[in-house]
Amino acid sequence: MVRMSAASIAGFILVFVESYIVMQLKGYKTIDFGGISPFVSIWSMNFFLVFSILTQVKHWYLAREEERETEYAKNDR
């Protein structure tokens, strides 16, 4: 649930960061997404990007914790 919330917020922020980069590179003053549908499409792509990154970080962290637990258990013997 936390990953989904964080991915939603970060995906929304990424839409504006990406828009700002495009505006600076192309010299635009504004960006028209062409309606709500393209905006939601971009937001959903960013959501899944951030969600997959957060999932990988979670798996890495859990594997690291498990490795530490086995190391501590081995040292306690």
PDB file of N, CA and C in Angstrom:
ATOM      1  N   MET A   1       0.823  -1.187   0.000  1.00  0.00           N
ATOM      2  CA  MET A   1       0.000   0.000   0.000  1.00  0.00           C
ATOM      3  C   MET A   1       0.870   1.255   0.000  1.00  0.00           C
ATOM      4  N   VAL A   2       1.945   1.205   0.766  1.00  0.00           N
ATOM      5  CA  VAL A   2       2.852   2.348   0.814  1.00  0.00           C
ATOM      6  C   VAL A   2       3.536   2.526  -0.534  1.00  0.00           C
ATOM      7  N   ARG A   3       3.918   1.398  -1.157  1.00  0.00           N
ATOM      8  CA  ARG A   3       4.550   1.495  -2.481  1.00  0.00           C
ATOM      9  C   ARG A   3       3.602   2.106  -3.501  1.00  0.00           C
ATOM     10  N   MET A   4       2.336   1.709  -3.442  1.00  0.00           N
ATOM     11  CA  MET A   4       1.367   2.252  -4.395  1.00  0.00           C
ATOM     12  C   MET A   4       1.153   3.744  -4.175  1.00  0.00           C
ATOM     13  N   SER A   5       1.081   4.154  -2.933  1.00  0.00           N
ATOM     14  CA  SER A   5       0.904   5.579  -2.635  1.00  0.00           C
ATOM     15  C   SER A   5       2.112   6.381  -3.078  1.00  0.00           C
ATOM     16  N   ALA A   6       3.294   5.880  -2.742  1.00  0.00           N
ATOM     17  CA  ALA A   6       4.519   6.579  -3.132  1.00  0.00           C
ATOM     18  C   ALA A   6       4.661   6.620  -4.650  1.00  0.00           C
ATOM     19  N   ALA A   7       4.315   5.526  -5.320  1.00  0.00           N
ATOM     20  CA  ALA A   7       4.412   5.484  -6.776  1.00  0.00           C
ATOM     21  C   ALA A   7       3.408   6.434  -7.423  1.00  0.00           C
ATOM     22  N   SER A   8       2.223   6.562  -6.852  1.00  0.00           N
ATOM     23  CA  SER A   8       1.226   7.495  -7.392  1.00  0.00           C
ATOM     24  C   SER A   8       1.703   8.936  -7.286  1.00  0.00           C
ATOM     25  N   ILE A   9       2.216   9.286  -6.119  1.00  0.00           N
ATOM     26  CA  ILE A   9       2.683  10.657  -5.917  1.00  0.00           C
ATOM     27  C   ILE A   9       3.913  10.939  -6.769  1.00  0.00           C
ATOM     28  N   ALA A  10       4.876  10.014  -6.765  1.00  0.00           N
ATOM     29  CA  ALA A  10       6.088  10.212  -7.555  1.00  0.00           C
ATOM     30  C   ALA A  10       5.781  10.220  -9.050  1.00  0.00           C
ATOM     31  N   GLY A  11       4.843   9.391  -9.488  1.00  0.00           N
ATOM     32  CA  GLY A  11       4.452   9.389 -10.899  1.00  0.00           C
ATOM     33  C   GLY A  11       3.835  10.702 -11.315  1.00  0.00           C
ATOM     34  N   PHE A  12       3.032  11.278 -10.430  1.00  0.00           N
ATOM     35  CA  PHE A  12       2.421  12.581 -10.707  1.00  0.00           C
ATOM     36  C   PHE A  12       3.486  13.671 -10.787  1.00  0.00           C
ATOM     37  N   ILE A  13       4.447  13.628  -9.880  1.00  0.00           N
ATOM     38  CA  ILE A  13       5.531  14.616  -9.897  1.00  0.00           C
ATOM     39  C   ILE A  13       6.390  14.445 -11.146  1.00  0.00           C
ATOM     40  N   LEU A  14       6.626  13.197 -11.546  1.00  0.00           N
ATOM     41  CA  LEU A  14       7.431  12.945 -12.743  1.00  0.00           C
ATOM     42  C   LEU A  14       6.795  13.525 -14.005  1.00  0.00           C
ATOM     43  N   VAL A  15       5.479  13.555 -14.073  1.00  0.00           N
ATOM     44  CA  VAL A  15       4.807  14.156 -15.230  1.00  0.00           C
ATOM     45  C   VAL A  15       5.250  15.604 -15.385  1.00  0.00           C
ATOM     46  N   PHE A  16       5.300  16.326 -14.278  1.00  0.00           N
ATOM     47  CA  PHE A  16       5.673  17.733 -14.343  1.00  0.00           C
ATOM     48  C   PHE A  16       7.168  17.920 -14.566  1.00  0.00           C
ATOM     49  N   VAL A  17       7.978  17.039 -14.018  1.00  0.00           N
ATOM     50  CA  VAL A  17       9.422  17.112 -14.260  1.00  0.00           C
ATOM     51  C   VAL A  17       9.719  16.847 -15.731  1.00  0.00           C
ATOM     52  N   GLU A  18       9.084  15.825 -16.288  1.00  0.00           N
ATOM     53  CA  GLU A  18       9.277  15.518 -17.704  1.00  0.00           C
ATOM     54  C   GLU A  18       8.791  16.668 -18.581  1.00  0.00           C
ATOM     55  N   SER A  19       7.667  17.261 -18.221  1.00  0.00           N
ATOM     56  CA  SER A  19       7.135  18.392 -18.986  1.00  0.00           C
ATOM     57  C   SER A  19       8.088  19.577 -18.934  1.00  0.00           C
ATOM     58  N   TYR A  20       8.653  19.829 -17.765  1.00  0.00           N
ATOM     59  CA  TYR A  20       9.594  20.940 -17.612  1.00  0.00           C
ATOM     60  C   TYR A  20      10.847  20.715 -18.457  1.00  0.00           C
ATOM     61  N   ILE A  21      11.342  19.481 -18.485  1.00  0.00           N
ATOM     62  CA  ILE A  21      12.519  19.169 -19.300  1.00  0.00           C
ATOM     63  C   ILE A  21      12.223  19.399 -20.773  1.00  0.00           C
ATOM     64  N   VAL A  22      11.066  18.946 -21.233  1.00  0.00           N
ATOM     65  CA  VAL A  22      10.686  19.148 -22.638  1.00  0.00           C
ATOM     66  C   VAL A  22      10.553  20.636 -22.946  1.00  0.00           C
ATOM     67  N   MET A  23       9.956  21.381 -22.023  1.00  0.00           N
ATOM     68  CA  MET A  23       9.792  22.819 -22.236  1.00  0.00           C
ATOM     69  C   MET A  23      11.144  23.513 -22.342  1.00  0.00           C
ATOM     70  N   GLN A  24      12.104  23.128 -21.527  1.00  0.00           N
ATOM     71  CA  GLN A  24      13.420  23.754 -21.565  1.00  0.00           C
ATOM     72  C   GLN A  24      14.192  23.370 -22.820  1.00  0.00           C
ATOM     73  N   LEU A  25      14.110  22.110 -23.218  1.00  0.00           N
ATOM     74  CA  LEU A  25      14.857  21.659 -24.387  1.00  0.00           C
ATOM     75  C   LEU A  25      14.304  22.229 -25.689  1.00  0.00           C
ATOM     76  N   LYS A  26      13.000  22.331 -25.784  1.00  0.00           N
ATOM     77  CA  LYS A  26      12.376  22.778 -27.030  1.00  0.00           C
ATOM     78  C   LYS A  26      12.022  24.250 -27.037  1.00  0.00           C
ATOM     79  N   GLY A  27      12.182  24.921 -25.911  1.00  0.00           N
ATOM     80  CA  GLY A  27      11.884  26.349 -25.846  1.00  0.00           C
ATOM     81  C   GLY A  27      10.402  26.665 -25.801  1.00  0.00           C
ATOM     82  N   TYR A  28       9.590  25.733 -25.344  1.00  0.00           N
ATOM     83  CA  TYR A  28       8.150  25.965 -25.251  1.00  0.00           C
ATOM     84  C   TYR A  28       7.822  26.772 -24.000  1.00  0.00           C
ATOM     85  N   LYS A  29       6.722  27.489 -24.059  1.00  0.00           N
ATOM     86  CA  LYS A  29       6.226  28.219 -22.884  1.00  0.00           C
ATOM     87  C   LYS A  29       5.178  27.399 -22.132  1.00  0.00           C
ATOM     88  N   THR A  30       4.413  26.600 -22.852  1.00  0.00           N
ATOM     89  CA  THR A  30       3.399  25.739 -22.241  1.00  0.00           C
ATOM     90  C   THR A  30       3.399  24.383 -22.939  1.00  0.00           C
ATOM     91  N   ILE A  31       2.754  23.424 -22.304  1.00  0.00           N
ATOM     92  CA  ILE A  31       2.581  22.101 -22.908  1.00  0.00           C
ATOM     93  C   ILE A  31       1.108  21.742 -22.832  1.00  0.00           C
ATOM     94  N   ASP A  32       0.561  21.302 -23.953  1.00  0.00           N
ATOM     95  CA  ASP A  32      -0.825  20.845 -24.010  1.00  0.00           C
ATOM     96  C   ASP A  32      -0.804  19.326 -24.138  1.00  0.00           C
ATOM     97  N   PHE A  33      -1.345  18.644 -23.146  1.00  0.00           N
ATOM     98  CA  PHE A  33      -1.351  17.187 -23.166  1.00  0.00           C
ATOM     99  C   PHE A  33      -2.412  16.634 -24.113  1.00  0.00           C
ATOM    100  N   GLY A  34      -3.325  17.460 -24.562  1.00  0.00           N
ATOM    101  CA  GLY A  34      -4.348  17.009 -25.486  1.00  0.00           C
ATOM    102  C   GLY A  34      -5.549  16.388 -24.803  1.00  0.00           C
ATOM    103  N   GLY A  35      -5.743  16.691 -23.555  1.00  0.00           N
ATOM    104  CA  GLY A  35      -6.893  16.162 -22.819  1.00  0.00           C
ATOM    105  C   GLY A  35      -6.453  15.372 -21.605  1.00  0.00           C
ATOM    106  N   ILE A  36      -7.444  14.855 -20.911  1.00  0.00           N
ATOM    107  CA  ILE A  36      -7.167  14.106 -19.690  1.00  0.00           C
ATOM    108  C   ILE A  36      -6.636  12.712 -19.991  1.00  0.00           C
ATOM    109  N   SER A  37      -7.046  12.123 -21.094  1.00  0.00           N
ATOM    110  CA  SER A  37      -6.637  10.760 -21.415  1.00  0.00           C
ATOM    111  C   SER A  37      -5.125  10.626 -21.628  1.00  0.00           C
ATOM    112  N   PRO A  38      -4.491  11.477 -22.436  1.00  0.00           N
ATOM    113  CA  PRO A  38      -3.029  11.373 -22.566  1.00  0.00           C
ATOM    114  C   PRO A  38      -2.295  11.660 -21.255  1.00  0.00           C
ATOM    115  N   PHE A  39      -2.837  12.598 -20.460  1.00  0.00           N
ATOM    116  CA  PHE A  39      -2.222  12.906 -19.170  1.00  0.00           C
ATOM    117  C   PHE A  39      -2.259  11.693 -18.248  1.00  0.00           C
ATOM    118  N   VAL A  40      -3.397  11.016 -18.204  1.00  0.00           N
ATOM    119  CA  VAL A  40      -3.529   9.820 -17.368  1.00  0.00           C
ATOM    120  C   VAL A  40      -2.636   8.699 -17.894  1.00  0.00           C
ATOM    121  N   SER A  41      -2.480   8.603 -19.203  1.00  0.00           N
ATOM    122  CA  SER A  41      -1.591   7.583 -19.778  1.00  0.00           C
ATOM    123  C   SER A  41      -0.148   7.806 -19.346  1.00  0.00           C
ATOM    124  N   ILE A  42       0.298   9.048 -19.400  1.00  0.00           N
ATOM    125  CA  ILE A  42       1.664   9.368 -18.974  1.00  0.00           C
ATOM    126  C   ILE A  42       1.819   9.106 -17.485  1.00  0.00           C
ATOM    127  N   TRP A  43       0.821   9.498 -16.713  1.00  0.00           N
ATOM    128  CA  TRP A  43       0.865   9.285 -15.270  1.00  0.00           C
ATOM    129  C   TRP A  43       0.923   7.792 -14.947  1.00  0.00           C
ATOM    130  N   SER A  44       0.149   6.984 -15.651  1.00  0.00           N
ATOM    131  CA  SER A  44       0.148   5.544 -15.371  1.00  0.00           C
ATOM    132  C   SER A  44       1.479   4.901 -15.755  1.00  0.00           C
ATOM    133  N   MET A  45       2.086   5.346 -16.852  1.00  0.00           N
ATOM    134  CA  MET A  45       3.408   4.819 -17.207  1.00  0.00           C
ATOM    135  C   MET A  45       4.429   5.159 -16.132  1.00  0.00           C
ATOM    136  N   ASN A  46       4.384   6.387 -15.640  1.00  0.00           N
ATOM    137  CA  ASN A  46       5.297   6.790 -14.574  1.00  0.00           C
ATOM    138  C   ASN A  46       5.010   6.026 -13.285  1.00  0.00           C
ATOM    139  N   PHE A  47       3.730   5.784 -13.006  1.00  0.00           N
ATOM    140  CA  PHE A  47       3.356   5.005 -11.820  1.00  0.00           C
ATOM    141  C   PHE A  47       3.994   3.626 -11.864  1.00  0.00           C
ATOM    142  N   PHE A  48       3.853   2.926 -12.991  1.00  0.00           N
ATOM    143  CA  PHE A  48       4.396   1.576 -13.079  1.00  0.00           C
ATOM    144  C   PHE A  48       5.918   1.574 -13.069  1.00  0.00           C
ATOM    145  N   LEU A  49       6.533   2.608 -13.619  1.00  0.00           N
ATOM    146  CA  LEU A  49       7.992   2.724 -13.552  1.00  0.00           C
ATOM    147  C   LEU A  49       8.450   2.847 -12.100  1.00  0.00           C
ATOM    148  N   VAL A  50       7.863   3.775 -11.364  1.00  0.00           N
ATOM    149  CA  VAL A  50       8.248   3.986  -9.965  1.00  0.00           C
ATOM    150  C   VAL A  50       7.879   2.771  -9.117  1.00  0.00           C
ATOM    151  N   PHE A  51       6.724   2.170  -9.369  1.00  0.00           N
ATOM    152  CA  PHE A  51       6.306   0.996  -8.601  1.00  0.00           C
ATOM    153  C   PHE A  51       7.278  -0.160  -8.802  1.00  0.00           C
ATOM    154  N   SER A  52       7.727  -0.376 -10.032  1.00  0.00           N
ATOM    155  CA  SER A  52       8.674  -1.470 -10.276  1.00  0.00           C
ATOM    156  C   SER A  52      10.024  -1.185  -9.629  1.00  0.00           C
ATOM    157  N   ILE A  53      10.456   0.068  -9.640  1.00  0.00           N
ATOM    158  CA  ILE A  53      11.710   0.422  -8.967  1.00  0.00           C
ATOM    159  C   ILE A  53      11.584   0.189  -7.464  1.00  0.00           C
ATOM    160  N   LEU A  54      10.481   0.626  -6.877  1.00  0.00           N
ATOM    161  CA  LEU A  54      10.279   0.428  -5.443  1.00  0.00           C
ATOM    162  C   LEU A  54      10.172  -1.053  -5.080  1.00  0.00           C
ATOM    163  N   THR A  55       9.596  -1.857  -5.959  1.00  0.00           N
ATOM    164  CA  THR A  55       9.510  -3.293  -5.716  1.00  0.00           C
ATOM    165  C   THR A  55      10.899  -3.918  -5.715  1.00  0.00           C
ATOM    166  N   GLN A  56      11.738  -3.510  -6.662  1.00  0.00           N
ATOM    167  CA  GLN A  56      13.104  -4.022  -6.698  1.00  0.00           C
ATOM    168  C   GLN A  56      13.888  -3.611  -5.457  1.00  0.00           C
ATOM    169  N   VAL A  57      13.690  -2.376  -5.007  1.00  0.00           N
ATOM    170  CA  VAL A  57      14.355  -1.907  -3.789  1.00  0.00           C
ATOM    171  C   VAL A  57      13.886  -2.717  -2.587  1.00  0.00           C
ATOM    172  N   LYS A  58      12.595  -3.025  -2.537  1.00  0.00           N
ATOM    173  CA  LYS A  58      12.053  -3.832  -1.434  1.00  0.00           C
ATOM    174  C   LYS A  58      12.672  -5.225  -1.425  1.00  0.00           C
ATOM    175  N   HIS A  59      12.739  -5.861  -2.600  1.00  0.00           N
ATOM    176  CA  HIS A  59      13.326  -7.196  -2.676  1.00  0.00           C
ATOM    177  C   HIS A  59      14.806  -7.168  -2.297  1.00  0.00           C
ATOM    178  N   TRP A  60      15.518  -6.145  -2.735  1.00  0.00           N
ATOM    179  CA  TRP A  60      16.926  -6.004  -2.378  1.00  0.00           C
ATOM    180  C   TRP A  60      17.079  -5.855  -0.869  1.00  0.00           C
ATOM    181  N   TYR A  61      16.239  -5.027  -0.264  1.00  0.00           N
ATOM    182  CA  TYR A  61      16.322  -4.789   1.173  1.00  0.00           C
ATOM    183  C   TYR A  61      16.005  -6.057   1.965  1.00  0.00           C
ATOM    184  N   LEU A  62      14.973  -6.779   1.555  1.00  0.00           N
ATOM    185  CA  LEU A  62      14.619  -8.014   2.258  1.00  0.00           C
ATOM    186  C   LEU A  62      15.723  -9.062   2.136  1.00  0.00           C
ATOM    187  N   ALA A  63      16.333  -9.171   0.964  1.00  0.00           N
ATOM    188  CA  ALA A  63      17.436 -10.116   0.786  1.00  0.00           C
ATOM    189  C   ALA A  63      18.630  -9.712   1.643  1.00  0.00           C
ATOM    190  N   ARG A  64      18.880  -8.434   1.719  1.00  0.00           N
ATOM    191  CA  ARG A  64      19.986  -7.933   2.542  1.00  0.00           C
ATOM    192  C   ARG A  64      19.743  -8.218   4.022  1.00  0.00           C
ATOM    193  N   GLU A  65      18.519  -7.999   4.484  1.00  0.00           N
ATOM    194  CA  GLU A  65      18.182  -8.286   5.877  1.00  0.00           C
ATOM    195  C   GLU A  65      18.295  -9.779   6.180  1.00  0.00           C
ATOM    196  N   GLU A  66      17.847 -10.610   5.262  1.00  0.00           N
ATOM    197  CA  GLU A  66      17.943 -12.053   5.463  1.00  0.00           C
ATOM    198  C   GLU A  66      19.403 -12.486   5.527  1.00  0.00           C
ATOM    199  N   GLU A  67      20.224 -11.898   4.683  1.00  0.00           N
ATOM    200  CA  GLU A  67      21.653 -12.209   4.686  1.00  0.00           C
ATOM    201  C   GLU A  67      22.293 -11.802   6.013  1.00  0.00           C
ATOM    202  N   ARG A  68      21.921 -10.658   6.520  1.00  0.00           N
ATOM    203  CA  ARG A  68      22.454 -10.210   7.811  1.00  0.00           C
ATOM    204  C   ARG A  68      22.001 -11.123   8.950  1.00  0.00           C
ATOM    205  N   GLU A  69      20.735 -11.551   8.915  1.00  0.00           N
ATOM    206  CA  GLU A  69      20.233 -12.440   9.963  1.00  0.00           C
ATOM    207  C   GLU A  69      20.980 -13.768   9.967  1.00  0.00           C
ATOM    208  N   THR A  70      21.227 -14.325   8.797  1.00  0.00           N
ATOM    209  CA  THR A  70      21.968 -15.588   8.744  1.00  0.00           C
ATOM    210  C   THR A  70      23.407 -15.383   9.184  1.00  0.00           C
ATOM    211  N   GLU A  71      23.979 -14.235   8.868  1.00  0.00           N
ATOM    212  CA  GLU A  71      25.348 -13.943   9.295  1.00  0.00           C
ATOM    213  C   GLU A  71      25.421 -13.813  10.815  1.00  0.00           C
ATOM    214  N   TYR A  72      24.454 -13.129  11.415  1.00  0.00           N
ATOM    215  CA  TYR A  72      24.425 -12.988  12.868  1.00  0.00           C
ATOM    216  C   TYR A  72      24.180 -14.333  13.545  1.00  0.00           C
ATOM    217  N   ALA A  73      23.303 -15.147  12.963  1.00  0.00           N
ATOM    218  CA  ALA A  73      23.021 -16.461  13.532  1.00  0.00           C
ATOM    219  C   ALA A  73      24.262 -17.351  13.457  1.00  0.00           C
ATOM    220  N   LYS A  74      25.014 -17.226  12.379  1.00  0.00           N
ATOM    221  CA  LYS A  74      26.223 -18.014  12.216  1.00  0.00           C
ATOM    222  C   LYS A  74      27.295 -17.576  13.216  1.00  0.00           C
ATOM    223  N   ASN A  75      27.369 -16.289  13.496  1.00  0.00           N
ATOM    224  CA  ASN A  75      28.364 -15.771  14.433  1.00  0.00           C
ATOM    225  C   ASN A  75      28.005 -16.067  15.886  1.00  0.00           C
ATOM    226  N   ASP A  76      26.735 -16.293  16.183  1.00  0.00           N
ATOM    227  CA  ASP A  76      26.310 -16.573  17.552  1.00  0.00           C
ATOM    228  C   ASP A  76      26.645 -17.990  18.000  1.00  0.00           C
ATOM    229  N   ARG A  77      26.895 -18.876  17.091  1.00  0.00           N
ATOM    230  CA  ARG A  77      27.154 -20.282  17.441  1.00  0.00           C
ATOM    231  C   ARG A  77      28.465 -20.445  18.109  1.00  0.00           C
TER     232      ARG A  77
END
